[in-house]
Amino acid sequence: MNFANQSCPNSGDIQKYQHHVYAVLYSVILAPGLLGNVLALWVFRVYIRETKKAVLFMMNLAVADLLQVLSLPLRIYYYLNDTWPFGRSLCMFCFYLKYVNMYASIYFLVCVSVRRCELILRPLRYNSPRRKGDLFVCVLGWLFVCLACLPFPLLRNATPSSSNFTSEEEVCFSELPMRHVSPPTAFALLVIAELVGFVIPLTLVLACAILTAGSLRQLGAGAITDRGEKRRALKMVLSCAVVFLVCFVPYHITMPLDFLAKANTLSSCGFRDLILRCHPVTLCLASLNCSLDPLMYYFTTHEFWRRLSKPEIPESMSFSRRLSCITGREETEDD
């Protein structure tokens, strides 16, 4: 972060506060996020063929969350020790990876919501697995997110201008200085980021929740008539909306203000201080979805709950039991 604005005091205090917030909250997110998403991938690999229920999208969502969690230990190390000894390239990669995985999570939350909504409203369209189509949507999403997130590292200086940092004591992440950009360019980047990365996805998720809720009160042509299936779909879509509102809305409210604060374009030091103290909390909330998404899988996905609550009998054991039933004998060798 660039604290070149000398008219605003206590920059060091703000930096210490930010490091403390990041270290504590990322440590809280790390363990449940890691265990939850590894468990989710283990479960979803069994149901990967059931793509019509958005399992493939949830699997990609778990991958995005897991990749974000795996980058947290390096972030925690930096914020605890106030130094980055791992090289500038790894710093920029981890910085870039944070935003790629965050917006990939947003993308796949939208995909899950849209798929579950369409399955309820137009089930005949998804009466058979569409593996190739789903794979194309996933690959296209990853490619789009990776390209769209390039401005985040490109707007940061790879090498700090300050001579106070040696090769052993380098800054990274929130302390990376901002490059100078013209006001029209900065405004255009902020509008595009907010519109494409937040407003449109939020609109789609909320629209899916409203349409799915409305399907419970009416019977449309070709719609699913099973109210239990509709309720399960509504729980999934509403869970996606809640995760979106809790994790990503606060961040996208403070993100443009934080950009202006780091570019030293805010005239009020008090307001600038407030933004610099609030933004770390909202950025950690954006990472909290790594821990919330596995909970969403468990409470809203029947296959996930069934797999964890009633572990399947191994195939060899199942065959042995069927064979003993046919022959009318029990295995009593150990009796």
C-alpha atoms as a PDB file:
ATOM      1  CA  MET A   1       0.000   0.000   0.000  1.00  0.00           C
ATOM      2  CA  ASN A   2       1.265   3.434  -0.851  1.00  0.00           C
ATOM      3  CA  PHE A   3       1.276   5.759   2.139  1.00  0.00           C
ATOM      4  CA  ALA A   4       2.848   8.642   0.271  1.00  0.00           C
ATOM      5  CA  ASN A   5       0.192  11.074   1.445  1.00  0.00           C
ATOM      6  CA  GLN A   6       2.184  12.770   4.209  1.00  0.00           C
ATOM      7  CA  SER A   7      -0.757  14.941   5.284  1.00  0.00           C
ATOM      8  CA  CYS A   8      -2.463  11.915   6.856  1.00  0.00           C
ATOM      9  CA  PRO A   9      -0.660  10.701  10.016  1.00  0.00           C
ATOM     10  CA  ASN A  10      -0.560   7.286  11.705  1.00  0.00           C
ATOM     11  CA  SER A  11       0.118   5.299   8.535  1.00  0.00           C
ATOM     12  CA  GLY A  12       2.202   2.870  10.560  1.00  0.00           C
ATOM     13  CA  ASP A  13      -0.634   2.271  13.002  1.00  0.00           C
ATOM     14  CA  ILE A  14      -3.005   1.493  10.143  1.00  0.00           C
ATOM     15  CA  GLN A  15      -0.520  -0.963   8.657  1.00  0.00           C
ATOM     16  CA  LYS A  16      -0.114  -2.782  11.989  1.00  0.00           C
ATOM     17  CA  TYR A  17      -3.891  -2.937  12.367  1.00  0.00           C
ATOM     18  CA  GLN A  18      -4.302  -4.351   8.858  1.00  0.00           C
ATOM     19  CA  HIS A  19      -1.631  -7.000   9.393  1.00  0.00           C
ATOM     20  CA  HIS A  20      -3.270  -8.077  12.642  1.00  0.00           C
ATOM     21  CA  VAL A  21      -6.717  -8.359  11.018  1.00  0.00           C
ATOM     22  CA  TYR A  22      -5.416 -10.320   8.022  1.00  0.00           C
ATOM     23  CA  ALA A  23      -3.344 -12.722  10.155  1.00  0.00           C
ATOM     24  CA  VAL A  24      -6.177 -13.489  12.585  1.00  0.00           C
ATOM     25  CA  LEU A  25      -9.038 -13.838  10.097  1.00  0.00           C
ATOM     26  CA  TYR A  26      -7.051 -15.811   7.522  1.00  0.00           C
ATOM     27  CA  SER A  27      -5.954 -18.203  10.289  1.00  0.00           C
ATOM     28  CA  VAL A  28      -9.600 -18.721  11.239  1.00  0.00           C
ATOM     29  CA  ILE A  29     -10.578 -19.437   7.619  1.00  0.00           C
ATOM     30  CA  LEU A  30      -7.652 -21.757   6.807  1.00  0.00           C
ATOM     31  CA  ALA A  31      -8.486 -25.025   8.596  1.00  0.00           C
ATOM     32  CA  PRO A  32     -12.244 -25.287   7.881  1.00  0.00           C
ATOM     33  CA  GLY A  33     -11.736 -24.083   4.321  1.00  0.00           C
ATOM     34  CA  LEU A  34      -9.047 -26.665   3.643  1.00  0.00           C
ATOM     35  CA  LEU A  35     -10.862 -29.613   5.220  1.00  0.00           C
ATOM     36  CA  GLY A  36     -14.270 -28.651   3.834  1.00  0.00           C
ATOM     37  CA  ASN A  37     -13.193 -28.279   0.218  1.00  0.00           C
ATOM     38  CA  VAL A  38     -11.011 -31.408   0.202  1.00  0.00           C
ATOM     39  CA  LEU A  39     -13.999 -33.312   1.563  1.00  0.00           C
ATOM     40  CA  ALA A  40     -16.275 -31.711  -1.040  1.00  0.00           C
ATOM     41  CA  LEU A  41     -14.027 -32.800  -3.909  1.00  0.00           C
ATOM     42  CA  TRP A  42     -13.897 -36.331  -2.466  1.00  0.00           C
ATOM     43  CA  VAL A  43     -17.707 -36.468  -2.413  1.00  0.00           C
ATOM     44  CA  PHE A  44     -18.327 -34.824  -5.778  1.00  0.00           C
ATOM     45  CA  ARG A  45     -16.039 -37.184  -7.670  1.00  0.00           C
ATOM     46  CA  VAL A  46     -18.639 -39.904  -7.026  1.00  0.00           C
ATOM     47  CA  TYR A  47     -21.480 -37.787  -8.440  1.00  0.00           C
ATOM     48  CA  ILE A  48     -19.589 -36.098 -11.269  1.00  0.00           C
ATOM     49  CA  ARG A  49     -21.855 -37.737 -13.877  1.00  0.00           C
ATOM     50  CA  GLU A  50     -24.937 -36.048 -12.397  1.00  0.00           C
ATOM     51  CA  THR A  51     -24.089 -32.813 -14.206  1.00  0.00           C
ATOM     52  CA  LYS A  52     -27.710 -31.827 -14.629  1.00  0.00           C
ATOM     53  CA  LYS A  53     -27.775 -30.971 -10.900  1.00  0.00           C
ATOM     54  CA  ALA A  54     -24.813 -28.597 -11.180  1.00  0.00           C
ATOM     55  CA  VAL A  55     -22.370 -31.056  -9.575  1.00  0.00           C
ATOM     56  CA  LEU A  56     -19.666 -30.147 -12.101  1.00  0.00           C
ATOM     57  CA  PHE A  57     -20.093 -26.446 -11.308  1.00  0.00           C
ATOM     58  CA  MET A  58     -19.935 -27.140  -7.576  1.00  0.00           C
ATOM     59  CA  MET A  59     -16.786 -29.183  -8.134  1.00  0.00           C
ATOM     60  CA  ASN A  60     -15.147 -26.235  -9.910  1.00  0.00           C
ATOM     61  CA  LEU A  61     -16.348 -23.941  -7.133  1.00  0.00           C
ATOM     62  CA  ALA A  62     -14.641 -26.235  -4.615  1.00  0.00           C
ATOM     63  CA  VAL A  63     -11.436 -26.147  -6.701  1.00  0.00           C
ATOM     64  CA  ALA A  64     -11.472 -22.333  -6.753  1.00  0.00           C
ATOM     65  CA  ASP A  65     -12.040 -22.219  -2.993  1.00  0.00           C
ATOM     66  CA  LEU A  66      -9.313 -24.784  -2.341  1.00  0.00           C
ATOM     67  CA  LEU A  67      -6.752 -22.891  -4.420  1.00  0.00           C
ATOM     68  CA  GLN A  68      -7.555 -19.730  -2.493  1.00  0.00           C
ATOM     69  CA  VAL A  69      -7.159 -21.564   0.821  1.00  0.00           C
ATOM     70  CA  LEU A  70      -3.789 -23.001  -0.243  1.00  0.00           C
ATOM     71  CA  SER A  71      -2.437 -19.468  -0.719  1.00  0.00           C
ATOM     72  CA  LEU A  72      -3.414 -18.393   2.801  1.00  0.00           C
ATOM     73  CA  PRO A  73      -0.385 -19.847   4.679  1.00  0.00           C
ATOM     74  CA  LEU A  74       1.994 -17.564   2.769  1.00  0.00           C
ATOM     75  CA  ARG A  75      -0.261 -14.593   3.453  1.00  0.00           C
ATOM     76  CA  ILE A  76      -0.438 -15.457   7.145  1.00  0.00           C
ATOM     77  CA  TYR A  77       3.368 -15.771   7.286  1.00  0.00           C
ATOM     78  CA  TYR A  78       3.787 -12.341   5.732  1.00  0.00           C
ATOM     79  CA  TYR A  79       1.306 -10.583   7.993  1.00  0.00           C
ATOM     80  CA  LEU A  80       2.758 -12.207  11.121  1.00  0.00           C
ATOM     81  CA  ASN A  81       6.399 -11.492  10.266  1.00  0.00           C
ATOM     82  CA  ASP A  82       6.057  -8.269   8.240  1.00  0.00           C
ATOM     83  CA  THR A  83       8.472  -9.601   5.660  1.00  0.00           C
ATOM     84  CA  TRP A  84       8.328 -11.520   2.377  1.00  0.00           C
ATOM     85  CA  PRO A  85      11.442 -13.661   1.762  1.00  0.00           C
ATOM     86  CA  PHE A  86       9.951 -15.774  -1.057  1.00  0.00           C
ATOM     87  CA  GLY A  87      10.767 -13.561  -4.022  1.00  0.00           C
ATOM     88  CA  ARG A  88       8.868 -10.967  -5.992  1.00  0.00           C
ATOM     89  CA  SER A  89       7.497 -13.403  -8.595  1.00  0.00           C
ATOM     90  CA  LEU A  90       5.761 -15.596  -6.007  1.00  0.00           C
ATOM     91  CA  CYS A  91       4.389 -12.478  -4.319  1.00  0.00           C
ATOM     92  CA  MET A  92       2.786 -11.237  -7.532  1.00  0.00           C
ATOM     93  CA  PHE A  93       1.471 -14.711  -8.350  1.00  0.00           C
ATOM     94  CA  CYS A  94      -0.174 -15.100  -4.928  1.00  0.00           C
ATOM     95  CA  PHE A  95      -1.583 -11.598  -5.196  1.00  0.00           C
ATOM     96  CA  TYR A  96      -3.054 -12.427  -8.617  1.00  0.00           C
ATOM     97  CA  LEU A  97      -4.286 -15.848  -7.503  1.00  0.00           C
ATOM     98  CA  LYS A  98      -6.355 -14.283  -4.721  1.00  0.00           C
ATOM     99  CA  TYR A  99      -8.512 -12.356  -7.169  1.00  0.00           C
ATOM    100  CA  VAL A 100      -8.694 -15.137  -9.745  1.00  0.00           C
ATOM    101  CA  ASN A 101     -10.086 -17.557  -7.206  1.00  0.00           C
ATOM    102  CA  MET A 102     -12.445 -14.993  -5.681  1.00  0.00           C
ATOM    103  CA  TYR A 103     -14.037 -14.110  -9.014  1.00  0.00           C
ATOM    104  CA  ALA A 104     -14.020 -17.749 -10.103  1.00  0.00           C
ATOM    105  CA  SER A 105     -16.047 -18.471  -6.965  1.00  0.00           C
ATOM    106  CA  ILE A 106     -18.489 -15.720  -7.947  1.00  0.00           C
ATOM    107  CA  TYR A 107     -18.737 -17.130 -11.474  1.00  0.00           C
ATOM    108  CA  PHE A 108     -19.479 -20.674 -10.350  1.00  0.00           C
ATOM    109  CA  LEU A 109     -21.954 -19.513  -7.685  1.00  0.00           C
ATOM    110  CA  VAL A 110     -23.868 -17.917 -10.548  1.00  0.00           C
ATOM    111  CA  CYS A 111     -23.580 -21.108 -12.622  1.00  0.00           C
ATOM    112  CA  VAL A 112     -24.938 -23.224  -9.761  1.00  0.00           C
ATOM    113  CA  SER A 113     -27.852 -20.828  -9.208  1.00  0.00           C
ATOM    114  CA  VAL A 114     -28.767 -20.645 -12.886  1.00  0.00           C
ATOM    115  CA  ARG A 115     -28.546 -24.400 -13.386  1.00  0.00           C
ATOM    116  CA  ARG A 116     -30.711 -25.252 -10.372  1.00  0.00           C
ATOM    117  CA  CYS A 117     -33.254 -22.621 -11.386  1.00  0.00           C
ATOM    118  CA  GLU A 118     -33.449 -23.871 -14.972  1.00  0.00           C
ATOM    119  CA  LEU A 119     -33.710 -27.477 -13.804  1.00  0.00           C
ATOM    120  CA  ILE A 120     -36.867 -26.521 -11.906  1.00  0.00           C
ATOM    121  CA  LEU A 121     -38.411 -24.278 -14.552  1.00  0.00           C
ATOM    122  CA  ARG A 122     -37.375 -26.240 -17.665  1.00  0.00           C
ATOM    123  CA  PRO A 123     -36.512 -29.793 -16.600  1.00  0.00           C
ATOM    124  CA  LEU A 124     -36.985 -31.330 -20.053  1.00  0.00           C
ATOM    125  CA  ARG A 125     -34.039 -29.335 -21.319  1.00  0.00           C
ATOM    126  CA  TYR A 126     -31.799 -31.146 -18.838  1.00  0.00           C
ATOM    127  CA  ASN A 127     -33.185 -34.647 -19.033  1.00  0.00           C
ATOM    128  CA  SER A 128     -29.755 -36.050 -19.888  1.00  0.00           C
ATOM    129  CA  PRO A 129     -26.198 -35.191 -18.806  1.00  0.00           C
ATOM    130  CA  ARG A 130     -24.589 -32.380 -20.783  1.00  0.00           C
ATOM    131  CA  ARG A 131     -20.971 -33.019 -19.917  1.00  0.00           C
ATOM    132  CA  LYS A 132     -19.432 -31.313 -22.946  1.00  0.00           C
ATOM    133  CA  GLY A 133     -21.566 -28.201 -22.543  1.00  0.00           C
ATOM    134  CA  ASP A 134     -20.793 -27.941 -18.837  1.00  0.00           C
ATOM    135  CA  LEU A 135     -17.087 -28.476 -19.425  1.00  0.00           C
ATOM    136  CA  PHE A 136     -17.107 -25.716 -22.039  1.00  0.00           C
ATOM    137  CA  VAL A 137     -18.828 -23.315 -19.619  1.00  0.00           C
ATOM    138  CA  CYS A 138     -16.253 -24.160 -16.918  1.00  0.00           C
ATOM    139  CA  VAL A 139     -13.223 -23.760 -19.190  1.00  0.00           C
ATOM    140  CA  LEU A 140     -14.619 -20.531 -20.648  1.00  0.00           C
ATOM    141  CA  GLY A 141     -15.246 -19.218 -17.143  1.00  0.00           C
ATOM    142  CA  TRP A 142     -11.714 -19.933 -15.927  1.00  0.00           C
ATOM    143  CA  LEU A 143     -10.230 -18.339 -19.054  1.00  0.00           C
ATOM    144  CA  PHE A 144     -12.402 -15.237 -18.761  1.00  0.00           C
ATOM    145  CA  VAL A 145     -11.663 -14.801 -15.036  1.00  0.00           C
ATOM    146  CA  CYS A 146      -7.901 -15.237 -15.512  1.00  0.00           C
ATOM    147  CA  LEU A 147      -7.838 -12.574 -18.235  1.00  0.00           C
ATOM    148  CA  ALA A 148     -10.199 -10.204 -16.436  1.00  0.00           C
ATOM    149  CA  CYS A 149      -8.120 -10.286 -13.230  1.00  0.00           C
ATOM    150  CA  LEU A 150      -4.850  -9.304 -14.927  1.00  0.00           C
ATOM    151  CA  PRO A 151      -5.326  -5.573 -14.128  1.00  0.00           C
ATOM    152  CA  PHE A 152      -5.036  -6.318 -10.394  1.00  0.00           C
ATOM    153  CA  PRO A 153      -1.307  -7.233 -10.532  1.00  0.00           C
ATOM    154  CA  LEU A 154      -0.603  -4.931 -13.472  1.00  0.00           C
ATOM    155  CA  LEU A 155      -1.758  -1.916 -11.459  1.00  0.00           C
ATOM    156  CA  ARG A 156       0.827  -2.695  -8.777  1.00  0.00           C
ATOM    157  CA  ASN A 157       4.535  -1.928  -8.929  1.00  0.00           C
ATOM    158  CA  ALA A 158       6.547  -5.133  -8.861  1.00  0.00           C
ATOM    159  CA  THR A 159       9.391  -3.357  -7.028  1.00  0.00           C
ATOM    160  CA  PRO A 160       8.737  -0.854  -4.229  1.00  0.00           C
ATOM    161  CA  SER A 161      10.321   2.534  -4.698  1.00  0.00           C
ATOM    162  CA  SER A 162      11.259   2.842  -1.031  1.00  0.00           C
ATOM    163  CA  SER A 163      14.845   2.057  -0.114  1.00  0.00           C
ATOM    164  CA  ASN A 164      13.839   0.931   3.369  1.00  0.00           C
ATOM    165  CA  PHE A 165      13.273  -2.647   2.212  1.00  0.00           C
ATOM    166  CA  THR A 166      16.136  -4.985   1.409  1.00  0.00           C
ATOM    167  CA  SER A 167      15.964  -8.222  -0.532  1.00  0.00           C
ATOM    168  CA  GLU A 168      15.326 -10.022   2.762  1.00  0.00           C
ATOM    169  CA  GLU A 169      12.608  -7.611   3.883  1.00  0.00           C
ATOM    170  CA  GLU A 170      10.260  -7.002   1.001  1.00  0.00           C
ATOM    171  CA  VAL A 171       6.675  -5.823   0.979  1.00  0.00           C
ATOM    172  CA  CYS A 172       3.865  -7.771  -0.631  1.00  0.00           C
ATOM    173  CA  PHE A 173       0.080  -7.932  -0.983  1.00  0.00           C
ATOM    174  CA  SER A 174      -1.599  -4.887   0.565  1.00  0.00           C
ATOM    175  CA  GLU A 175       1.684  -2.931   0.701  1.00  0.00           C
ATOM    176  CA  LEU A 176       2.438  -3.225  -3.013  1.00  0.00           C
ATOM    177  CA  PRO A 177       2.538   0.356  -4.350  1.00  0.00           C
ATOM    178  CA  MET A 178      -0.075   1.498  -6.852  1.00  0.00           C
ATOM    179  CA  ARG A 179       0.964   2.529 -10.333  1.00  0.00           C
ATOM    180  CA  HIS A 180      -0.088   5.968 -11.417  1.00  0.00           C
ATOM    181  CA  VAL A 181      -3.191   5.931 -13.633  1.00  0.00           C
ATOM    182  CA  SER A 182      -5.186   8.821 -14.996  1.00  0.00           C
ATOM    183  CA  PRO A 183      -8.566   9.560 -13.348  1.00  0.00           C
ATOM    184  CA  PRO A 184     -10.593   8.569 -16.464  1.00  0.00           C
ATOM    185  CA  THR A 185      -8.739   5.235 -16.676  1.00  0.00           C
ATOM    186  CA  ALA A 186      -9.212   4.544 -12.988  1.00  0.00           C
ATOM    187  CA  PHE A 187     -12.919   5.379 -13.204  1.00  0.00           C
ATOM    188  CA  ALA A 188     -13.410   3.114 -16.230  1.00  0.00           C
ATOM    189  CA  LEU A 189     -11.613   0.190 -14.557  1.00  0.00           C
ATOM    190  CA  LEU A 190     -13.677   0.563 -11.386  1.00  0.00           C
ATOM    191  CA  VAL A 191     -16.980   0.707 -13.284  1.00  0.00           C
ATOM    192  CA  ILE A 192     -16.134  -2.371 -15.371  1.00  0.00           C
ATOM    193  CA  ALA A 193     -14.935  -4.329 -12.329  1.00  0.00           C
ATOM    194  CA  GLU A 194     -18.037  -3.478 -10.292  1.00  0.00           C
ATOM    195  CA  LEU A 195     -20.438  -4.113 -13.179  1.00  0.00           C
ATOM    196  CA  VAL A 196     -18.991  -7.379 -14.502  1.00  0.00           C
ATOM    197  CA  GLY A 197     -17.662  -8.810 -11.251  1.00  0.00           C
ATOM    198  CA  PHE A 198     -20.453  -7.778  -8.895  1.00  0.00           C
ATOM    199  CA  VAL A 199     -23.637  -6.132 -10.217  1.00  0.00           C
ATOM    200  CA  ILE A 200     -24.411  -8.596 -13.018  1.00  0.00           C
ATOM    201  CA  PRO A 201     -23.617 -11.742 -10.952  1.00  0.00           C
ATOM    202  CA  LEU A 202     -25.630 -10.413  -7.999  1.00  0.00           C
ATOM    203  CA  THR A 203     -28.585  -9.664 -10.270  1.00  0.00           C
ATOM    204  CA  LEU A 204     -28.495 -13.172 -11.738  1.00  0.00           C
ATOM    205  CA  VAL A 205     -28.279 -14.873  -8.335  1.00  0.00           C
ATOM    206  CA  LEU A 206     -31.154 -12.836  -6.889  1.00  0.00           C
ATOM    207  CA  ALA A 207     -33.251 -13.357 -10.038  1.00  0.00           C
ATOM    208  CA  CYS A 208     -32.735 -17.137  -9.795  1.00  0.00           C
ATOM    209  CA  ALA A 209     -33.797 -17.059  -6.134  1.00  0.00           C
ATOM    210  CA  ILE A 210     -36.969 -15.123  -6.970  1.00  0.00           C
ATOM    211  CA  LEU A 211     -37.885 -17.369  -9.922  1.00  0.00           C
ATOM    212  CA  THR A 212     -37.244 -20.551  -7.955  1.00  0.00           C
ATOM    213  CA  ALA A 213     -39.317 -19.286  -5.022  1.00  0.00           C
ATOM    214  CA  GLY A 214     -42.105 -18.343  -7.413  1.00  0.00           C
ATOM    215  CA  SER A 215     -42.145 -21.846  -8.896  1.00  0.00           C
ATOM    216  CA  LEU A 216     -43.385 -23.182  -5.539  1.00  0.00           C
ATOM    217  CA  ARG A 217     -46.630 -21.252  -5.971  1.00  0.00           C
ATOM    218  CA  GLN A 218     -47.404 -22.052  -9.579  1.00  0.00           C
ATOM    219  CA  LEU A 219     -47.262 -24.893 -12.066  1.00  0.00           C
ATOM    220  CA  GLY A 220     -45.663 -23.783 -15.299  1.00  0.00           C
ATOM    221  CA  ALA A 221     -45.727 -25.736 -18.548  1.00  0.00           C
ATOM    222  CA  GLY A 222     -43.040 -28.397 -18.406  1.00  0.00           C
ATOM    223  CA  ALA A 223     -41.977 -27.402 -14.891  1.00  0.00           C
ATOM    224  CA  ILE A 224     -41.170 -29.896 -12.150  1.00  0.00           C
ATOM    225  CA  THR A 225     -44.271 -30.650 -10.069  1.00  0.00           C
ATOM    226  CA  ASP A 226     -42.379 -32.266  -7.161  1.00  0.00           C
ATOM    227  CA  ARG A 227     -42.515 -29.650  -4.396  1.00  0.00           C
ATOM    228  CA  GLY A 228     -39.793 -31.459  -2.461  1.00  0.00           C
ATOM    229  CA  GLU A 229     -37.409 -31.119  -5.398  1.00  0.00           C
ATOM    230  CA  LYS A 230     -38.372 -27.461  -5.735  1.00  0.00           C
ATOM    231  CA  ARG A 231     -37.694 -26.828  -2.070  1.00  0.00           C
ATOM    232  CA  ARG A 232     -34.256 -28.446  -2.345  1.00  0.00           C
ATOM    233  CA  ALA A 233     -33.488 -26.301  -5.376  1.00  0.00           C
ATOM    234  CA  LEU A 234     -34.710 -23.200  -3.556  1.00  0.00           C
ATOM    235  CA  LYS A 235     -32.477 -23.996  -0.563  1.00  0.00           C
ATOM    236  CA  MET A 236     -29.483 -24.277  -2.899  1.00  0.00           C
ATOM    237  CA  VAL A 237     -30.226 -21.029  -4.753  1.00  0.00           C
ATOM    238  CA  LEU A 238     -30.965 -19.136  -1.539  1.00  0.00           C
ATOM    239  CA  SER A 239     -27.725 -20.447  -0.029  1.00  0.00           C
ATOM    240  CA  CYS A 240     -25.799 -19.126  -3.045  1.00  0.00           C
ATOM    241  CA  ALA A 241     -27.510 -15.754  -2.584  1.00  0.00           C
ATOM    242  CA  VAL A 242     -26.682 -15.655   1.148  1.00  0.00           C
ATOM    243  CA  VAL A 243     -23.021 -16.537   0.525  1.00  0.00           C
ATOM    244  CA  PHE A 244     -22.890 -13.848  -2.153  1.00  0.00           C
ATOM    245  CA  LEU A 245     -24.478 -11.194   0.072  1.00  0.00           C
ATOM    246  CA  VAL A 246     -22.360 -11.998   3.145  1.00  0.00           C
ATOM    247  CA  CYS A 247     -19.004 -12.473   1.432  1.00  0.00           C
ATOM    248  CA  PHE A 248     -18.923 -10.329  -1.701  1.00  0.00           C
ATOM    249  CA  VAL A 249     -21.283  -7.376  -1.210  1.00  0.00           C
ATOM    250  CA  PRO A 250     -19.228  -5.707   1.599  1.00  0.00           C
ATOM    251  CA  TYR A 251     -15.996  -6.141  -0.375  1.00  0.00           C
ATOM    252  CA  HIS A 252     -17.384  -4.597  -3.548  1.00  0.00           C
ATOM    253  CA  ILE A 253     -18.710  -1.636  -1.572  1.00  0.00           C
ATOM    254  CA  THR A 254     -15.309  -0.815  -0.090  1.00  0.00           C
ATOM    255  CA  MET A 255     -13.176  -1.888  -3.066  1.00  0.00           C
ATOM    256  CA  PRO A 256     -13.535   1.304  -5.160  1.00  0.00           C
ATOM    257  CA  LEU A 257     -13.099   3.465  -2.061  1.00  0.00           C
ATOM    258  CA  ASP A 258      -9.977   1.529  -1.077  1.00  0.00           C
ATOM    259  CA  PHE A 259      -8.609   2.021  -4.595  1.00  0.00           C
ATOM    260  CA  LEU A 260      -9.073   5.769  -4.238  1.00  0.00           C
ATOM    261  CA  ALA A 261      -7.496   5.748  -0.783  1.00  0.00           C
ATOM    262  CA  LYS A 262      -4.425   3.870  -2.001  1.00  0.00           C
ATOM    263  CA  ALA A 263      -4.137   6.263  -4.946  1.00  0.00           C
ATOM    264  CA  ASN A 264      -4.160   9.155  -2.432  1.00  0.00           C
ATOM    265  CA  THR A 265      -7.125  10.865  -4.077  1.00  0.00           C
ATOM    266  CA  LEU A 266      -9.257  11.193  -0.926  1.00  0.00           C
ATOM    267  CA  SER A 267      -8.954  14.632   0.665  1.00  0.00           C
ATOM    268  CA  SER A 268     -10.374  13.649   4.068  1.00  0.00           C
ATOM    269  CA  CYS A 269      -7.844  11.847   6.233  1.00  0.00           C
ATOM    270  CA  GLY A 270     -10.577  10.641   8.585  1.00  0.00           C
ATOM    271  CA  PHE A 271     -12.567   9.058   5.767  1.00  0.00           C
ATOM    272  CA  ARG A 272      -9.390   7.582   4.294  1.00  0.00           C
ATOM    273  CA  ASP A 273      -8.492   6.073   7.668  1.00  0.00           C
ATOM    274  CA  LEU A 274     -11.983   4.572   7.967  1.00  0.00           C
ATOM    275  CA  ILE A 275     -11.769   2.947   4.540  1.00  0.00           C
ATOM    276  CA  LEU A 276      -8.293   1.547   5.200  1.00  0.00           C
ATOM    277  CA  ARG A 277      -9.575  -0.026   8.418  1.00  0.00           C
ATOM    278  CA  CYS A 278     -12.790  -1.428   6.955  1.00  0.00           C
ATOM    279  CA  HIS A 279     -11.403  -2.842   3.714  1.00  0.00           C
ATOM    280  CA  PRO A 280      -9.233  -5.585   5.315  1.00  0.00           C
ATOM    281  CA  VAL A 281     -12.310  -6.923   7.097  1.00  0.00           C
ATOM    282  CA  THR A 282     -14.372  -6.995   3.896  1.00  0.00           C
ATOM    283  CA  LEU A 283     -11.498  -8.614   1.978  1.00  0.00           C
ATOM    284  CA  CYS A 284     -11.357 -11.376   4.587  1.00  0.00           C
ATOM    285  CA  LEU A 285     -15.146 -11.753   4.320  1.00  0.00           C
ATOM    286  CA  ALA A 286     -14.628 -12.340   0.601  1.00  0.00           C
ATOM    287  CA  SER A 287     -12.333 -15.234   1.550  1.00  0.00           C
ATOM    288  CA  LEU A 288     -14.840 -16.567   4.079  1.00  0.00           C
ATOM    289  CA  ASN A 289     -16.817 -18.156   1.242  1.00  0.00           C
ATOM    290  CA  CYS A 290     -14.102 -20.857   1.190  1.00  0.00           C
ATOM    291  CA  SER A 291     -15.494 -22.057   4.511  1.00  0.00           C
ATOM    292  CA  LEU A 292     -19.171 -21.322   3.849  1.00  0.00           C
ATOM    293  CA  ASP A 293     -19.440 -23.123   0.509  1.00  0.00           C
ATOM    294  CA  PRO A 294     -18.812 -26.626   1.986  1.00  0.00           C
ATOM    295  CA  LEU A 295     -21.569 -25.940   4.537  1.00  0.00           C
ATOM    296  CA  MET A 296     -23.846 -25.003   1.660  1.00  0.00           C
ATOM    297  CA  TYR A 297     -23.060 -28.306  -0.079  1.00  0.00           C
ATOM    298  CA  TYR A 298     -23.891 -30.318   3.033  1.00  0.00           C
ATOM    299  CA  PHE A 299     -27.178 -28.652   3.939  1.00  0.00           C
ATOM    300  CA  THR A 300     -28.575 -28.197   0.417  1.00  0.00           C
ATOM    301  CA  THR A 301     -27.213 -31.066  -1.694  1.00  0.00           C
ATOM    302  CA  HIS A 302     -28.917 -34.404  -1.134  1.00  0.00           C
ATOM    303  CA  GLU A 303     -26.053 -36.391  -2.658  1.00  0.00           C
ATOM    304  CA  PHE A 304     -23.480 -34.666  -0.462  1.00  0.00           C
ATOM    305  CA  TRP A 305     -25.494 -35.235   2.719  1.00  0.00           C
ATOM    306  CA  ARG A 306     -26.196 -38.866   1.811  1.00  0.00           C
ATOM    307  CA  ARG A 307     -22.531 -39.576   1.086  1.00  0.00           C
ATOM    308  CA  LEU A 308     -21.361 -38.179   4.437  1.00  0.00           C
ATOM    309  CA  SER A 309     -24.244 -39.363   6.613  1.00  0.00           C
ATOM    310  CA  LYS A 310     -24.441 -42.893   5.216  1.00  0.00           C
ATOM    311  CA  PRO A 311     -21.077 -43.957   3.809  1.00  0.00           C
ATOM    312  CA  GLU A 312     -21.514 -46.330   0.945  1.00  0.00           C
ATOM    313  CA  ILE A 313     -20.648 -50.011   1.487  1.00  0.00           C
ATOM    314  CA  PRO A 314     -17.502 -50.950  -0.446  1.00  0.00           C
ATOM    315  CA  GLU A 315     -18.299 -52.890  -3.590  1.00  0.00           C
ATOM    316  CA  SER A 316     -16.470 -56.016  -2.420  1.00  0.00           C
ATOM    317  CA  MET A 317     -18.387 -56.075   0.865  1.00  0.00           C
ATOM    318  CA  SER A 318     -21.663 -55.468  -0.956  1.00  0.00           C
ATOM    319  CA  PHE A 319     -20.964 -58.370  -3.317  1.00  0.00           C
ATOM    320  CA  SER A 320     -20.086 -60.669  -0.423  1.00  0.00           C
ATOM    321  CA  ARG A 321     -23.312 -59.858   1.364  1.00  0.00           C
ATOM    322  CA  ARG A 322     -25.381 -60.444  -1.756  1.00  0.00           C
ATOM    323  CA  LEU A 323     -23.622 -63.772  -2.288  1.00  0.00           C
ATOM    324  CA  SER A 324     -24.281 -64.879   1.296  1.00  0.00           C
ATOM    325  CA  CYS A 325     -27.956 -64.008   0.877  1.00  0.00           C
ATOM    326  CA  ILE A 326     -28.166 -66.100  -2.290  1.00  0.00           C
ATOM    327  CA  THR A 327     -26.438 -69.139  -0.795  1.00  0.00           C
ATOM    328  CA  GLY A 328     -28.249 -68.758   2.535  1.00  0.00           C
ATOM    329  CA  ARG A 329     -24.985 -69.022   4.448  1.00  0.00           C
ATOM    330  CA  GLU A 330     -23.300 -66.659   6.865  1.00  0.00           C
ATOM    331  CA  GLU A 331     -19.582 -66.249   7.156  1.00  0.00           C
ATOM    332  CA  THR A 332     -18.894 -67.785  10.534  1.00  0.00           C
ATOM    333  CA  GLU A 333     -15.246 -68.738  10.203  1.00  0.00           C
ATOM    334  CA  ASP A 334     -14.248 -66.460  13.064  1.00  0.00           C
ATOM    335  CA  ASP A 335     -17.007 -67.716  15.452  1.00  0.00           C
END
